Amino acid sequence: MRTAKLLVTVGLTIASIGAAAQHSESVALAFERLQSESPTEIKQGSEQLVRLEKSDPKAREYIALHLPPLIDKGPKDYLGRWITLVRLAV
C-alpha cells in the first residue's frame, strides 16, 4: 500500500512539473511569434499570450518581464508588431 501511494505521489509530481514546463514553453513560443516578420504569426502569438495571461500567474510574470524590452525597441521595422506589443501591455 505504501508503494502504491508513493508511486501515485511521484506520478502526480512529475505530471505537474511537465505541465508547468509545457506552459512555459507555450509562453516562450508566443513571444517568438511576436518577433516574427509575419503578421499572422504576430497575431497568433498575441492571441495566445492573452489567453495564457488570463489563467496563469506565471505567464503574467513572464509577460511583465519580457514585454517592456520589446516595446522599448520601438517600431523599427514593422509598426504593426510594435502596436500589438503596446496593446498587450495595456
Protein backbone atom coordinates (compact mmCIF):
# COMPACT_ATOMS: atom_id res chain seq x y z
CA MET A 1 0.00 0.00 0.00
CA ARG A 2 2.82 2.41 0.82
CA THR A 3 4.44 1.70 -2.53
CA ALA A 4 1.21 2.45 -4.38
CA LYS A 5 0.80 5.79 -2.57
CA LEU A 6 4.40 6.68 -3.27
CA LEU A 7 4.02 5.86 -6.96
CA VAL A 8 0.87 7.97 -7.20
CA THR A 9 2.58 10.90 -5.46
CA VAL A 10 5.63 10.65 -7.72
CA GLY A 11 3.40 10.39 -10.79
CA LEU A 12 1.39 13.46 -9.85
CA THR A 13 4.54 15.44 -9.13
CA ILE A 14 6.06 14.54 -12.49
CA ALA A 15 2.81 15.37 -14.27
CA SER A 16 2.59 18.81 -12.64
CA ILE A 17 6.24 19.57 -13.45
CA GLY A 18 5.66 18.51 -17.05
CA ALA A 19 2.55 20.68 -17.32
CA ALA A 20 4.43 23.70 -15.94
CA ALA A 21 7.28 23.16 -18.38
CA GLN A 22 4.85 22.91 -21.30
CA HIS A 23 3.13 26.09 -20.20
CA SER A 24 6.46 27.95 -20.00
CA GLU A 25 7.31 26.71 -23.47
CA SER A 26 3.93 27.98 -24.72
CA VAL A 27 4.61 31.46 -23.38
CA ALA A 28 8.13 31.48 -24.84
CA LEU A 29 6.80 30.26 -28.20
CA ALA A 30 4.16 33.00 -28.21
CA PHE A 31 6.92 35.57 -27.60
CA GLU A 32 8.88 34.14 -30.52
CA ARG A 33 5.80 34.57 -32.69
CA LEU A 34 5.56 38.21 -31.62
CA GLN A 35 9.04 38.79 -33.02
CA SER A 36 8.22 37.21 -36.39
CA GLU A 37 8.04 39.11 -39.65
CA SER A 38 4.67 37.50 -40.42
CA PRO A 39 1.57 39.46 -39.39
CA THR A 40 -0.26 36.13 -38.98
CA GLU A 41 2.40 34.81 -36.57
CA ILE A 42 2.32 38.07 -34.62
CA LYS A 43 -1.47 37.88 -34.31
CA GLN A 44 -1.38 34.24 -33.22
CA GLY A 45 1.32 34.96 -30.65
CA SER A 46 -0.58 37.88 -29.17
CA GLU A 47 -3.83 35.91 -29.00
CA GLN A 48 -2.01 33.04 -27.30
CA LEU A 49 -0.49 35.39 -24.72
CA VAL A 50 -3.86 36.97 -23.95
CA ARG A 51 -5.32 33.51 -23.28
CA LEU A 52 -2.37 32.45 -21.14
CA GLU A 53 -2.18 35.60 -19.05
CA LYS A 54 -5.83 35.28 -18.06
CA SER A 55 -5.34 31.87 -16.49
CA ASP A 56 -1.72 31.65 -15.40
CA PRO A 57 0.12 33.87 -12.93
CA LYS A 58 3.48 32.56 -14.20
CA ALA A 59 2.54 33.65 -17.72
CA ARG A 60 1.71 37.13 -16.40
CA GLU A 61 5.11 37.28 -14.69
CA TYR A 62 6.88 36.21 -17.89
CA ILE A 63 4.98 38.80 -19.92
CA ALA A 64 5.71 41.55 -17.38
CA LEU A 65 9.40 40.71 -17.53
CA HIS A 66 9.84 40.25 -21.29
CA LEU A 67 7.33 42.61 -22.90
CA PRO A 68 8.79 46.00 -21.84
CA PRO A 69 12.17 45.42 -23.53
CA LEU A 70 10.40 44.56 -26.79
CA ILE A 71 8.33 47.72 -26.57
CA ASP A 72 11.41 49.79 -25.73
CA LYS A 73 12.99 48.78 -29.04
CA GLY A 74 10.32 50.84 -30.76
CA PRO A 75 8.70 50.33 -34.16
CA LYS A 76 11.91 49.87 -36.11
CA ASP A 77 10.88 47.64 -38.98
CA TYR A 78 7.20 46.80 -38.59
CA LEU A 79 4.83 49.25 -36.93
CA GLY A 80 2.05 46.66 -36.66
CA ARG A 81 4.16 44.43 -34.40
CA TRP A 82 5.01 47.32 -32.09
CA ILE A 83 1.35 48.36 -31.85
CA THR A 84 0.45 44.76 -30.96
CA LEU A 85 3.09 44.77 -28.20
CA VAL A 86 1.74 48.02 -26.77
CA ARG A 87 -1.81 46.64 -26.83
CA LEU A 88 -0.66 43.57 -24.91
CA ALA A 89 0.86 45.82 -22.26
CA VAL A 90 -2.41 47.61 -21.59
